[in-house]
Protein backbone atom coordinates (compact mmCIF):
# COMPACT_ATOMS: atom_id res chain seq x y z
CA UNK A 1 0.00 0.00 0.00
CA UNK A 2 2.63 2.50 -1.17
CA UNK A 3 1.69 5.62 -3.08
CA UNK A 4 2.97 6.26 -6.61
CA UNK A 5 3.96 9.87 -7.24
CA UNK A 6 2.64 10.17 -10.80
CA UNK A 7 -0.49 8.01 -10.60
CA UNK A 8 -2.15 8.60 -7.24
CA UNK A 9 -5.92 8.75 -7.32
CA UNK A 10 -6.31 12.30 -6.06
CA UNK A 11 -2.84 13.68 -5.37
CA UNK A 12 -2.03 13.91 -9.05
CA UNK A 13 -5.44 14.77 -10.50
CA UNK A 14 -6.79 17.37 -8.12
CA UNK A 15 -5.47 20.90 -7.90
CA UNK A 16 -5.66 21.08 -4.12
CA UNK A 17 -2.79 18.72 -3.35
CA UNK A 18 -3.40 16.09 -0.71
CA UNK A 19 -2.94 15.01 2.89
CA UNK A 20 -1.88 11.40 3.41
CA UNK A 21 -1.80 9.22 6.51
CA UNK A 22 0.55 6.30 7.08
CA UNK A 23 -2.04 4.34 9.12
CA UNK A 24 -5.72 3.52 8.81
CA UNK A 25 -8.18 6.22 9.71
CA UNK A 26 -11.13 3.86 9.15
CA UNK A 27 -10.05 0.51 10.64
CA UNK A 28 -12.20 -2.59 9.94
CA UNK A 29 -13.94 -2.45 13.32
CA UNK A 30 -15.14 1.09 12.55
CA UNK A 31 -16.14 0.40 8.96
CA UNK A 32 -19.63 0.44 7.47
CA UNK A 33 -21.10 -1.12 4.35
CA UNK A 34 -23.41 0.78 2.03
CA UNK A 35 -24.50 -1.10 -1.12
CA UNK A 36 -25.44 2.25 -2.72
CA UNK A 37 -21.73 2.90 -3.27
CA UNK A 38 -21.42 -0.12 -5.57
CA UNK A 39 -21.74 0.59 -9.28
CA UNK A 40 -20.43 2.74 -12.10
CA UNK A 41 -19.58 6.41 -11.43
CA UNK A 42 -18.53 9.34 -13.58
CA UNK A 43 -17.27 12.68 -12.34
CA UNK A 44 -14.86 15.59 -12.53
CA UNK A 45 -12.28 17.04 -10.17
CA UNK A 46 -11.91 20.71 -9.31
CA UNK A 47 -10.05 22.55 -12.03
CA UNK A 48 -10.37 19.67 -14.51
CA UNK A 49 -13.25 19.65 -17.02
CA UNK A 50 -12.46 16.14 -18.32
CA UNK A 51 -14.66 13.41 -16.88
CA UNK A 52 -13.16 10.40 -15.15
CA UNK A 53 -14.88 7.11 -14.29
CA UNK A 54 -14.74 4.52 -11.53
CA UNK A 55 -16.14 1.03 -11.13
CA UNK A 56 -16.76 0.20 -7.47
CA UNK A 57 -17.23 -3.39 -6.29
CA UNK A 58 -16.45 -5.12 -3.00
CA UNK A 59 -13.62 -7.43 -1.96
CA UNK A 60 -15.15 -8.46 1.38
CA UNK A 61 -17.47 -7.15 4.07
CA UNK A 62 -15.05 -4.35 5.00
CA UNK A 63 -13.36 -3.37 1.75
CA UNK A 64 -14.43 -1.89 -1.58
CA UNK A 65 -12.47 -2.22 -4.80
CA UNK A 66 -12.17 0.82 -7.09
CA UNK A 67 -10.93 0.67 -10.67
CA UNK A 68 -10.29 4.27 -11.72
CA UNK A 69 -10.03 5.34 -15.36
CA UNK A 70 -9.04 8.71 -16.79
CA UNK A 71 -11.12 10.43 -19.45
CA UNK A 72 -8.86 9.25 -22.27
CA UNK A 73 -9.53 5.62 -21.34
CA UNK A 74 -6.05 4.88 -20.02
CA UNK A 75 -6.07 2.73 -16.90
CA UNK A 76 -5.02 4.88 -13.97
CA UNK A 77 -5.09 2.32 -11.22
CA UNK A 78 -6.79 -0.09 -8.85
CA UNK A 79 -7.51 0.93 -5.29
CA UNK A 80 -8.97 -0.46 -2.12
CA UNK A 81 -11.26 1.58 0.08
CA UNK A 82 -13.13 1.41 3.36
CA UNK A 83 -16.26 3.34 4.32
CA UNK A 84 -16.84 4.70 7.80
CA UNK A 85 -17.40 7.87 9.77
CA UNK A 86 -15.16 10.52 11.19
CA UNK A 87 -17.06 12.82 13.46
CA UNK A 88 -20.52 12.79 11.91
CA UNK A 89 -19.24 12.73 8.33
CA UNK A 90 -19.10 9.82 5.93
CA UNK A 91 -15.46 9.06 5.13
CA UNK A 92 -14.10 6.88 2.35
CA UNK A 93 -10.49 5.94 2.99
CA UNK A 94 -8.62 4.97 -0.19
CA UNK A 95 -5.24 3.37 -0.77
CA UNK A 96 -3.54 1.68 -3.75
CA UNK A 97 -4.27 -2.02 -4.19
CA UNK A 98 -1.38 -4.13 -2.98
CA UNK A 99 -0.87 -5.87 -6.31
CA UNK A 100 -1.01 -2.75 -8.48
CA UNK A 101 2.61 -1.69 -8.17
CA UNK A 102 2.07 1.72 -6.59
CA UNK A 103 5.36 2.46 -4.87
CA UNK A 104 8.02 5.10 -4.64
CA UNK A 105 10.78 5.83 -2.19
CA UNK A 106 11.69 9.39 -1.35
CA UNK A 107 14.56 10.22 0.99
CA UNK A 108 14.67 6.52 1.93
CA UNK A 109 11.17 6.83 3.34
CA UNK A 110 8.40 4.58 1.99
CA UNK A 111 5.16 6.51 2.25
CA UNK A 112 1.94 4.45 2.64
CA UNK A 113 -0.81 6.47 1.01
CA UNK A 114 -4.10 6.54 2.92
CA UNK A 115 -6.22 9.32 1.48
CA UNK A 116 -9.54 10.43 2.99
CA UNK A 117 -12.52 11.47 0.90
CA UNK A 118 -15.56 12.90 2.70
CA UNK A 119 -18.86 12.19 0.97
CA UNK A 120 -22.23 13.81 1.28
CA UNK A 121 -25.34 11.58 1.06
CA UNK A 122 -24.66 8.54 -1.11
CA UNK A 123 -27.33 8.47 -3.79
CA UNK A 124 -27.20 9.04 -7.52
CA UNK A 125 -24.82 11.98 -7.03
CA UNK A 126 -22.05 12.59 -4.48
CA UNK A 127 -20.07 15.71 -3.63
CA UNK A 128 -16.54 14.91 -2.53
CA UNK A 129 -14.33 16.83 -0.07
CA UNK A 130 -10.81 16.19 1.19
CA UNK A 131 -8.57 17.54 3.94
CA UNK A 132 -7.38 20.88 2.58
CA UNK A 133 -3.55 20.84 2.73
CA UNK A 134 -2.93 24.50 3.66
CA UNK A 135 -5.50 24.38 6.47
CA UNK A 136 -4.03 21.14 7.81
CA UNK A 137 -0.50 22.55 7.59
CA UNK A 138 -1.55 25.67 9.54
CA UNK A 139 -3.29 23.58 12.23
CA UNK A 140 -0.16 21.46 12.57
CA UNK A 141 2.11 24.50 12.76
CA UNK A 142 -0.02 26.11 15.48
CA UNK A 143 -0.19 22.85 17.44
CA UNK A 144 -3.99 22.71 17.17
CA UNK A 145 -3.98 19.34 15.45
CA UNK A 146 -1.36 17.74 17.65
CA UNK A 147 -0.13 15.06 15.24
CA UNK A 148 3.39 14.18 14.13
CA UNK A 149 3.82 14.90 10.42
CA UNK A 150 6.27 15.35 7.62
CA UNK A 151 6.17 17.32 4.38
CA UNK A 152 7.20 15.25 1.40
CA UNK A 153 7.32 16.86 -2.07
CA UNK A 154 4.57 19.28 -1.15
CA UNK A 155 2.37 16.66 0.53
CA UNK A 156 1.54 16.58 4.19
CA UNK A 157 2.07 13.09 5.60
CA UNK A 158 0.46 12.35 9.00
CA UNK A 159 2.65 9.91 10.90
CA UNK A 160 0.35 8.99 13.79
CA UNK A 161 -1.35 5.65 14.40
CA UNK A 162 -5.03 4.99 13.77
CA UNK A 163 -6.49 5.86 17.19
CA UNK A 164 -4.56 9.11 17.39
CA UNK A 165 -5.59 10.08 13.85
CA UNK A 166 -9.27 9.54 14.59
CA UNK A 167 -9.12 11.38 17.91
CA UNK A 168 -7.32 14.42 16.47
CA UNK A 169 -9.14 14.76 13.13
CA UNK A 170 -12.65 13.90 14.34
CA UNK A 171 -13.50 17.17 16.11
CA UNK A 172 -12.25 19.32 13.21
CA UNK A 173 -14.18 17.28 10.64
CA UNK A 174 -17.33 17.36 12.77
CA UNK A 175 -17.18 21.18 12.75
CA UNK A 176 -16.60 21.23 8.99
CA UNK A 177 -13.10 22.61 9.43
CA UNK A 178 -10.04 21.62 7.38
CA UNK A 179 -12.22 20.46 4.46
CA UNK A 180 -12.41 21.57 0.83
CA UNK A 181 -14.83 20.31 -1.81
CA UNK A 182 -12.87 18.92 -4.77
CA UNK A 183 -15.29 17.12 -7.06
CA UNK A 184 -18.73 15.85 -7.94
CA UNK A 185 -19.59 12.32 -9.08
CA UNK A 186 -22.79 10.83 -10.43
CA UNK A 187 -24.01 7.30 -10.92
CA UNK A 188 -24.18 6.20 -14.53
CA UNK A 189 -25.74 3.25 -16.30
CA UNK A 190 -23.26 3.47 -19.18
CA UNK A 191 -22.20 -0.17 -19.51
CA UNK A 192 -19.28 0.88 -21.73
CA UNK A 193 -17.53 2.25 -18.67
CA UNK A 194 -17.09 -1.29 -17.40
CA UNK A 195 -15.24 -2.27 -20.55
CA UNK A 196 -12.88 0.69 -20.14
CA UNK A 197 -11.52 -0.83 -16.95
CA UNK A 198 -9.32 -3.82 -17.73
CA UNK A 199 -10.58 -7.06 -16.19
CA UNK A 200 -13.80 -5.55 -14.87
CA UNK A 201 -17.32 -6.18 -16.09
CA UNK A 202 -20.21 -3.77 -15.77
CA UNK A 203 -21.72 -5.58 -12.82
CA UNK A 204 -25.42 -5.80 -12.13
CA UNK A 205 -26.48 -3.82 -9.07
CA UNK A 206 -29.08 -5.16 -6.64
CA UNK A 207 -30.57 -4.41 -3.25
CA UNK A 208 -31.19 -7.55 -1.16
CA UNK A 209 -33.71 -8.43 1.53
CA UNK A 210 -34.85 -11.59 3.32
CA UNK A 211 -38.00 -13.06 1.77
CA UNK A 212 -39.84 -14.60 4.70
CA UNK A 213 -43.07 -15.21 2.78
CA UNK A 214 -41.19 -17.41 0.31
CA UNK A 215 -39.47 -19.30 3.17
CA UNK A 216 -42.84 -20.90 3.91
CA UNK A 217 -42.53 -22.94 0.70
CA UNK A 218 -40.32 -25.46 2.51
CA UNK A 219 -42.18 -25.45 5.83
CA UNK A 220 -45.59 -26.90 4.99
CA UNK A 221 -44.81 -30.62 4.60
CA UNK A 222 -45.11 -32.68 7.82
CA UNK A 223 -42.73 -35.38 6.51
CA UNK A 224 -40.03 -33.35 4.72
CA UNK A 225 -38.46 -31.35 7.58
CA UNK A 226 -35.25 -29.87 6.21
CA UNK A 227 -32.50 -30.19 3.63
CA UNK A 228 -29.63 -28.38 1.97
CA UNK A 229 -28.06 -27.96 -1.52
CA UNK A 230 -31.33 -26.49 -2.94
CA UNK A 231 -30.49 -26.34 -6.64
CA UNK A 232 -33.22 -25.72 -9.22
CA UNK A 233 -33.90 -26.83 -12.78
CA UNK A 234 -36.57 -25.30 -14.98
CA UNK A 235 -38.67 -28.21 -16.29
CA UNK A 236 -40.99 -25.92 -18.26
CA UNK A 237 -44.72 -25.19 -18.00
CA UNK A 238 -44.29 -23.56 -14.59
CA UNK A 239 -42.68 -26.68 -13.04
CA UNK A 240 -39.47 -26.09 -11.09
CA UNK A 241 -37.39 -29.04 -9.89
CA UNK A 242 -35.66 -28.66 -6.53
CA UNK A 243 -32.68 -30.92 -5.72
CA UNK A 244 -31.64 -31.44 -2.09
CA UNK A 245 -28.69 -33.14 -0.41
CA UNK A 246 -28.90 -34.61 3.10
CA UNK A 247 -32.59 -34.40 4.01
CA UNK A 248 -34.57 -34.97 7.19
CA UNK A 249 -37.67 -37.15 6.66
CA UNK A 250 -40.06 -37.78 9.55
CA UNK A 251 -41.99 -40.98 8.76
CA UNK A 252 -44.54 -40.15 11.46
CA UNK A 253 -45.49 -36.88 9.75
CA UNK A 254 -45.33 -34.77 12.91
CA UNK A 255 -43.60 -31.84 11.20
CA UNK A 256 -40.57 -31.98 13.53
CA UNK A 257 -37.17 -33.68 13.45
CA UNK A 258 -37.91 -35.71 16.56
CA UNK A 259 -37.83 -39.28 15.27
CA UNK A 260 -36.80 -38.12 11.78
CA UNK A 261 -34.32 -39.96 9.60
CA UNK A 262 -31.65 -38.34 7.42
CA UNK A 263 -31.42 -39.51 3.81
CA UNK A 264 -28.77 -38.34 1.35
CA UNK A 265 -31.01 -36.97 -1.40
CA UNK A 266 -34.56 -35.81 -2.07
CA UNK A 267 -36.36 -33.81 -4.76
CA UNK A 268 -39.42 -31.61 -5.05
CA UNK A 269 -41.58 -30.18 -7.82
CA UNK A 270 -42.66 -26.57 -7.36
CA UNK A 271 -45.74 -25.63 -9.36
CA UNK A 272 -45.77 -21.91 -10.17
CA UNK A 273 -42.64 -19.82 -10.55
CA UNK A 274 -43.21 -17.44 -7.61
CA UNK A 275 -42.07 -19.29 -4.46
CA UNK A 276 -44.19 -17.06 -2.22
CA UNK A 277 -47.41 -18.30 -3.86
CA UNK A 278 -46.41 -21.64 -5.45
CA UNK A 279 -47.22 -25.14 -4.24
CA UNK A 280 -44.58 -27.86 -3.77
CA UNK A 281 -44.55 -31.66 -3.54
CA UNK A 282 -41.52 -33.51 -2.10
CA UNK A 283 -40.28 -36.98 -3.06
CA UNK A 284 -37.74 -39.40 -1.59
CA UNK A 285 -37.14 -43.13 -1.69
CA UNK A 286 -38.53 -45.93 0.46
CA UNK A 287 -37.14 -49.33 1.35
CA UNK A 288 -39.08 -52.59 1.31
CA UNK A 289 -40.50 -51.80 4.73
CA UNK A 290 -41.59 -48.29 3.78
CA UNK A 291 -38.81 -46.49 5.70
CA UNK A 292 -37.45 -43.33 4.02
CA UNK A 293 -34.35 -43.67 1.86
CA UNK A 294 -32.49 -41.49 -0.63
CA UNK A 295 -34.29 -40.55 -3.83
CA UNK A 296 -31.26 -41.79 -5.82
CA UNK A 297 -30.14 -45.03 -4.09
CA UNK A 298 -26.69 -44.81 -2.49
CA UNK A 299 -23.96 -47.21 -3.66
CA UNK A 300 -22.41 -49.41 -0.99
CA UNK A 301 -20.07 -47.38 1.22
CA UNK A 302 -20.99 -44.07 -0.40
CA UNK A 303 -23.64 -41.38 -0.31
CA UNK A 304 -24.76 -39.47 -3.37
CA UNK A 305 -25.39 -35.74 -3.02
CA UNK A 306 -27.12 -33.74 -5.70
CA UNK A 307 -25.18 -30.95 -7.34
CA UNK A 308 -27.54 -29.63 -9.97
CA UNK A 309 -29.08 -30.64 -13.27
CA UNK A 310 -30.13 -29.53 -16.72
CA UNK A 311 -33.07 -30.23 -18.99
CA UNK A 312 -32.18 -30.75 -22.65
CA UNK A 313 -35.32 -31.03 -24.75
CA UNK A 314 -37.19 -34.14 -23.54
CA UNK A 315 -34.48 -35.40 -21.15
CA UNK A 316 -33.13 -34.41 -17.76
CA UNK A 317 -29.57 -35.03 -16.57
CA UNK A 318 -28.73 -34.87 -12.85
CA UNK A 319 -25.15 -34.38 -11.61
CA UNK A 320 -24.13 -35.81 -8.23
CA UNK A 321 -21.08 -36.03 -5.96
CA UNK A 322 -19.93 -39.35 -4.51
CA UNK A 323 -19.32 -38.89 -0.78
CA UNK A 324 -17.52 -41.08 1.76
CA UNK A 325 -17.20 -40.58 5.52
CA UNK A 326 -13.81 -39.63 6.99
CA UNK A 327 -12.33 -39.06 10.42
CA UNK A 328 -10.91 -35.66 9.49
CA UNK A 329 -12.19 -32.22 8.53
CA UNK A 330 -15.98 -32.06 8.34
CA UNK A 331 -16.25 -35.85 8.44
CA UNK A 332 -16.74 -36.43 4.71
CA UNK A 333 -15.08 -35.94 1.35
CA UNK A 334 -15.94 -36.36 -2.31
CA UNK A 335 -14.34 -39.27 -4.18
CA UNK A 336 -15.69 -38.38 -7.62
CA UNK A 337 -18.79 -37.46 -9.56
CA UNK A 338 -21.55 -39.29 -11.31
CA UNK A 339 -24.67 -38.47 -13.30
CA UNK A 340 -28.12 -39.89 -14.03
CA UNK A 341 -30.48 -39.53 -16.98
CA UNK A 342 -34.21 -39.07 -16.45
CA UNK A 343 -36.03 -40.23 -19.59
CA UNK A 344 -39.47 -38.80 -18.68
CA UNK A 345 -39.03 -35.55 -16.69
CA UNK A 346 -42.62 -34.45 -17.40
CA UNK A 347 -43.86 -37.24 -15.12
CA UNK A 348 -43.94 -36.87 -11.35
CA UNK A 349 -40.64 -37.92 -9.69
CA UNK A 350 -41.91 -41.23 -8.22
CA UNK A 351 -42.67 -42.33 -11.81
CA UNK A 352 -39.36 -41.22 -13.32
CA UNK A 353 -37.32 -43.69 -15.36
CA UNK A 354 -33.78 -43.07 -14.13
CA UNK A 355 -30.57 -44.69 -15.34
CA UNK A 356 -26.92 -44.06 -14.40
CA UNK A 357 -24.52 -42.62 -16.95
CA UNK A 358 -20.87 -43.39 -17.60
CA UNK A 359 -18.75 -40.49 -16.36
CA UNK A 360 -15.00 -40.05 -16.98
CA UNK A 361 -12.53 -39.28 -14.24
CA UNK A 362 -10.28 -36.21 -14.41
CA UNK A 363 -6.74 -35.78 -13.06
CA UNK A 364 -7.63 -32.74 -10.94
CA UNK A 365 -10.46 -34.53 -9.16
CA UNK A 366 -12.96 -31.86 -10.22
CA UNK A 367 -16.47 -32.42 -8.91
CA UNK A 368 -18.09 -31.87 -12.31
CA UNK A 369 -21.55 -30.33 -12.19
CA UNK A 370 -21.70 -30.06 -8.41
CA UNK A 371 -21.23 -26.28 -8.51
CA UNK A 372 -23.52 -25.38 -11.42
CA UNK A 373 -24.77 -26.55 -14.81
CA UNK A 374 -26.13 -24.39 -17.65
CA UNK A 375 -27.22 -24.87 -21.22
CA UNK A 376 -25.95 -22.01 -23.38
CA UNK A 377 -26.69 -22.32 -27.07
CA UNK A 378 -25.54 -25.65 -28.48
CA UNK A 379 -23.51 -26.64 -25.42
CA UNK A 380 -24.14 -27.73 -21.85
CA UNK A 381 -21.57 -26.35 -19.38
CA UNK A 382 -20.82 -27.99 -16.04
CA UNK A 383 -18.81 -26.22 -13.33
CA UNK A 384 -16.98 -27.67 -10.36
CA UNK A 385 -13.99 -27.42 -8.06
CA UNK A 386 -11.43 -29.92 -6.78
CA UNK A 387 -12.31 -31.44 -3.45
CA UNK A 388 -11.04 -31.05 -0.82
CA UNK A 389 -9.47 -27.64 -1.46
CA UNK A 390 -9.86 -24.37 0.43
CA UNK A 391 -9.39 -21.89 -2.40
CA UNK A 392 -12.08 -23.48 -4.65
CA UNK A 393 -10.90 -22.58 -8.16
CA UNK A 394 -13.88 -23.08 -10.49
CA UNK A 395 -13.30 -25.18 -13.62
CA UNK A 396 -15.62 -25.68 -16.60
CA UNK A 397 -16.36 -28.68 -18.80
CA UNK A 398 -18.78 -28.77 -21.71
CA UNK A 399 -20.49 -31.14 -24.12
CA UNK A 400 -22.64 -30.66 -27.23
CA UNK A 401 -26.21 -30.43 -25.97
CA UNK A 402 -27.27 -33.39 -28.10
CA UNK A 403 -24.63 -35.60 -26.43
CA UNK A 404 -26.07 -34.67 -23.05
CA UNK A 405 -29.62 -35.37 -24.23
CA UNK A 406 -28.51 -38.86 -25.26
CA UNK A 407 -26.72 -39.37 -21.95
CA UNK A 408 -23.20 -39.41 -23.43
CA UNK A 409 -20.88 -37.57 -21.03
CA UNK A 410 -17.76 -39.53 -21.93
CA UNK A 411 -16.12 -36.88 -24.16
CA UNK A 412 -16.12 -33.52 -22.37
CA UNK A 413 -14.11 -30.51 -23.44
CA UNK A 414 -12.32 -28.44 -20.78
CA UNK A 415 -11.59 -24.74 -20.54
CA UNK A 416 -7.80 -24.38 -20.80
CA UNK A 417 -7.36 -20.61 -20.81
CA UNK A 418 -7.56 -17.87 -23.43
CA UNK A 419 -4.71 -19.24 -25.56
CA UNK A 420 -5.81 -22.88 -25.75
CA UNK A 421 -9.55 -22.23 -25.34
CA UNK A 422 -11.59 -25.48 -25.09
CA UNK A 423 -9.58 -28.69 -25.34
CA UNK A 424 -10.73 -32.34 -25.51
CA UNK A 425 -10.59 -34.55 -22.44
CA UNK A 426 -7.64 -36.41 -23.98
CA UNK A 427 -5.51 -33.25 -24.29
CA UNK A 428 -2.39 -32.80 -22.15
CA UNK A 429 -3.06 -29.03 -21.95
CA UNK A 430 -3.53 -27.88 -18.35
CA UNK A 431 -7.09 -27.07 -17.32
CA UNK A 432 -7.55 -23.41 -16.40
CA UNK A 433 -10.05 -22.14 -13.81
CA UNK A 434 -12.62 -19.54 -14.80
CA UNK A 435 -11.91 -17.82 -11.48
CA UNK A 436 -10.36 -18.48 -8.08
CA UNK A 437 -11.90 -18.38 -4.62
CA UNK A 438 -15.32 -19.67 -5.54
CA UNK A 439 -17.23 -22.27 -3.55
CA UNK A 440 -18.04 -25.92 -4.08
CA UNK A 441 -21.70 -24.86 -4.51
CA UNK A 442 -22.67 -21.78 -6.50
CA UNK A 443 -24.67 -20.62 -9.50
CA UNK A 444 -23.66 -19.11 -12.83
CA UNK A 445 -26.19 -17.51 -15.15
CA UNK A 446 -26.55 -14.71 -17.68
CA UNK A 447 -28.19 -11.56 -16.34
CA UNK A 448 -30.83 -10.53 -18.90
CA UNK A 449 -30.69 -6.82 -18.01
CA UNK A 450 -26.94 -6.30 -18.43
CA UNK A 451 -25.93 -9.25 -20.60
CA UNK A 452 -23.25 -10.07 -18.03
CA UNK A 453 -22.66 -13.49 -16.51
CA UNK A 454 -23.19 -13.56 -12.74
CA UNK A 455 -21.74 -16.06 -10.28
CA UNK A 456 -23.39 -16.15 -6.84
CA UNK A 457 -21.78 -17.91 -3.88
CA UNK A 458 -20.96 -17.51 -0.21
CA UNK A 459 -17.67 -16.22 1.12
CA UNK A 460 -16.43 -17.33 4.51
CA UNK A 461 -16.54 -20.51 6.54
CA UNK A 462 -19.20 -20.65 9.23
CA UNK A 463 -20.30 -17.02 9.31
CA UNK A 464 -20.46 -16.16 5.62
CA UNK A 465 -21.80 -13.49 3.29
CA UNK A 466 -23.57 -13.91 -0.04
CA UNK A 467 -21.35 -12.59 -2.83
CA UNK A 468 -21.65 -11.95 -6.56
CA UNK A 469 -19.05 -11.59 -9.29
CA UNK A 470 -19.57 -10.83 -12.97
CA UNK A 471 -17.97 -11.25 -16.38
CA UNK A 472 -18.76 -10.07 -19.92
CA UNK A 473 -18.41 -13.66 -21.21
CA UNK A 474 -18.52 -17.04 -19.53
CA UNK A 475 -14.75 -17.31 -19.96
CA UNK A 476 -14.17 -14.00 -18.21
CA UNK A 477 -12.50 -11.89 -17.20
CA UNK A 478 -14.36 -12.30 -13.89
CA UNK A 479 -14.44 -9.53 -11.30
CA UNK A 480 -13.55 -10.00 -7.67
CA UNK A 481 -16.58 -10.98 -5.58
CA UNK A 482 -18.60 -8.19 -3.98
CA UNK A 483 -21.09 -8.54 -1.17
CA UNK A 484 -24.78 -8.84 -1.97
CA UNK A 485 -26.27 -9.80 1.38
CA UNK A 486 -25.30 -10.60 4.95
CA UNK A 487 -27.72 -13.23 6.35
CA UNK A 488 -29.05 -12.60 9.85
CA UNK A 489 -27.64 -16.01 10.88
CA UNK A 490 -24.17 -14.50 10.40
CA UNK A 491 -24.28 -13.28 14.00
CA UNK A 492 -25.41 -16.57 15.58
CA UNK A 493 -22.79 -18.79 17.23
CA UNK A 494 -22.01 -22.25 15.80
CA UNK A 495 -23.98 -21.62 12.59
CA UNK A 496 -22.73 -22.36 9.07
CA UNK A 497 -23.97 -20.38 6.07
CA UNK A 498 -23.25 -21.97 2.71
CA UNK A 499 -24.61 -23.06 -0.70
CA UNK A 500 -25.81 -19.61 -1.83
CA UNK A 501 -27.03 -19.62 -5.42
CA UNK A 502 -29.31 -17.71 -7.75
CA UNK A 503 -32.49 -19.14 -9.27
CA UNK A 504 -33.18 -17.06 -12.41
CA UNK A 505 -36.11 -19.31 -13.34
CA UNK A 506 -38.04 -18.11 -10.25
CA UNK A 507 -40.23 -15.00 -10.25
CA UNK A 508 -41.48 -12.59 -7.60
CA UNK A 509 -38.29 -10.47 -7.58
CA UNK A 510 -35.72 -9.20 -10.06
CA UNK A 511 -33.57 -12.13 -8.94
CA UNK A 512 -34.20 -14.82 -6.32
CA UNK A 513 -31.45 -16.38 -4.20
CA UNK A 514 -31.32 -19.10 -1.58
CA UNK A 515 -28.69 -20.11 0.93
CA UNK A 516 -28.39 -23.01 3.39
CA UNK A 517 -27.81 -22.97 7.14
CA UNK A 518 -26.43 -25.70 9.36
CA UNK A 519 -24.66 -26.05 12.71
CA UNK A 520 -21.27 -27.36 13.72
CA UNK A 521 -23.23 -29.13 16.48
CA UNK A 522 -25.15 -32.03 14.92
CA UNK A 523 -27.47 -32.21 17.91
CA UNK A 524 -28.47 -28.60 17.43
CA UNK A 525 -29.06 -29.15 13.71
CA UNK A 526 -31.33 -32.08 14.52
CA UNK A 527 -33.32 -30.12 17.10
CA UNK A 528 -33.36 -26.52 15.86
CA UNK A 529 -36.17 -26.07 13.34
CA UNK A 530 -34.97 -22.53 12.55
CA UNK A 531 -31.98 -23.89 10.64
CA UNK A 532 -31.39 -26.49 7.92
CA UNK A 533 -34.12 -25.14 5.70
CA UNK A 534 -33.16 -23.17 2.57
CA UNK A 535 -33.70 -19.43 3.12
CA UNK A 536 -34.87 -17.08 0.38
CA UNK A 537 -33.45 -13.66 -0.52
CA UNK A 538 -35.18 -11.37 -3.00
CA UNK A 539 -33.09 -8.95 -5.03
CA UNK A 540 -34.38 -5.66 -6.43
CA UNK A 541 -32.39 -4.12 -9.24
CA UNK A 542 -30.87 -0.74 -8.39
CA UNK A 543 -32.86 2.11 -9.95
């Protein structure tokens, strides 16, 4: 986080100079998140009539990412930022991204560049102020500010630590002293701005809220009393297929998990596309004695968990992960993938004719189709990550759609990067991930309003946020993830939030999401009816 003399965000493009700090003025524990800051912005600086642009996304729950572009289209730089308050004013602290090469050494002193912008109300237009250098210099000279400092090539550098900076600057900022307005920025819907920033797509912008009315969809069956995964497939004619992993079935039909049995897969057919008004019918298997079993029978020594599926004309293909129990980690791991063909998906699930398909192995151990599956044009694309792996790079395989309809998955092609493109399964070319730091479960779909591809997934282990990233094409370049929604369960102890994904085939909102909740304590998961049901989130597109 070292400032570059000739490319700093404000020091070089404003006429008022700048005041830098060597430490954080808005530390993470004092930060705030405002989704209204996310999007595309265009503005001008004082004394400069040429417009500049910025694409703002999020890196995590504390940090924004800013890609700043000058009016001539040349890339000026990537920056990180944190939003908070100083006094009663909204402050955006900005510094160069660590990997963007912003560094210079003057007089053997490396100067970390933390620059404060003060924003008025964040809406469709924002007025921007900064610490006015001459006023700050006078306050330092007279001892009124009481901070150690140094002047470096005309810049005032505050050398104090975070707490001292906040304590000294706060009262002045609260009184409106030491500030000068330096620019005005407005939100823009110009999608071309996204293309002007290398590696960044013009991301869709949404506002998110819990959808409690839709949550009732999963709560009305006295036998089906909880499950996770919650992937969807559009079967057509208003029928939505839900696929679930480990599922609680209560054979007594009491509507609780007392006496319930866990099976490794179940399905449901939702009739009507709006989950807040639709009906749903669940299905699972039964053994010879009528006891509940998995919808897709488990092989000996393994469990089969649904990933997702795809309908291709008159056929349905379901992708599953093969799971074995272990004595390490979470107590399970994937040992490969498999798939099944449903020959009559227009029938009700108990009447389906299901047969297993031959599936090839892959050297990376990628769980093909567990993350997401989409038909795009003449191909079916299946996404997955190696298991177990913490970073979750997301890889893509594809087949001609007609091969998938016939149940032939033996000859996939793999994405191998921009130079090699798609290569056959027999190729020695290394497979190349679409993006890093995904999740084993996610969704990828094309946003109809922007034309961008969106990937929705959680970020974090245990307490996690719902994130989105975007790309102009399926192959990228993909943006860093930005936060869409923080579930209320984030603040509960011993709760896991995972398996967030979008369901573009559902209606009732501009986009519908679900996520799963579980507990590190199996006893709590079995007893707590507030968790282990998919939860709905409705997204409203930013206006």
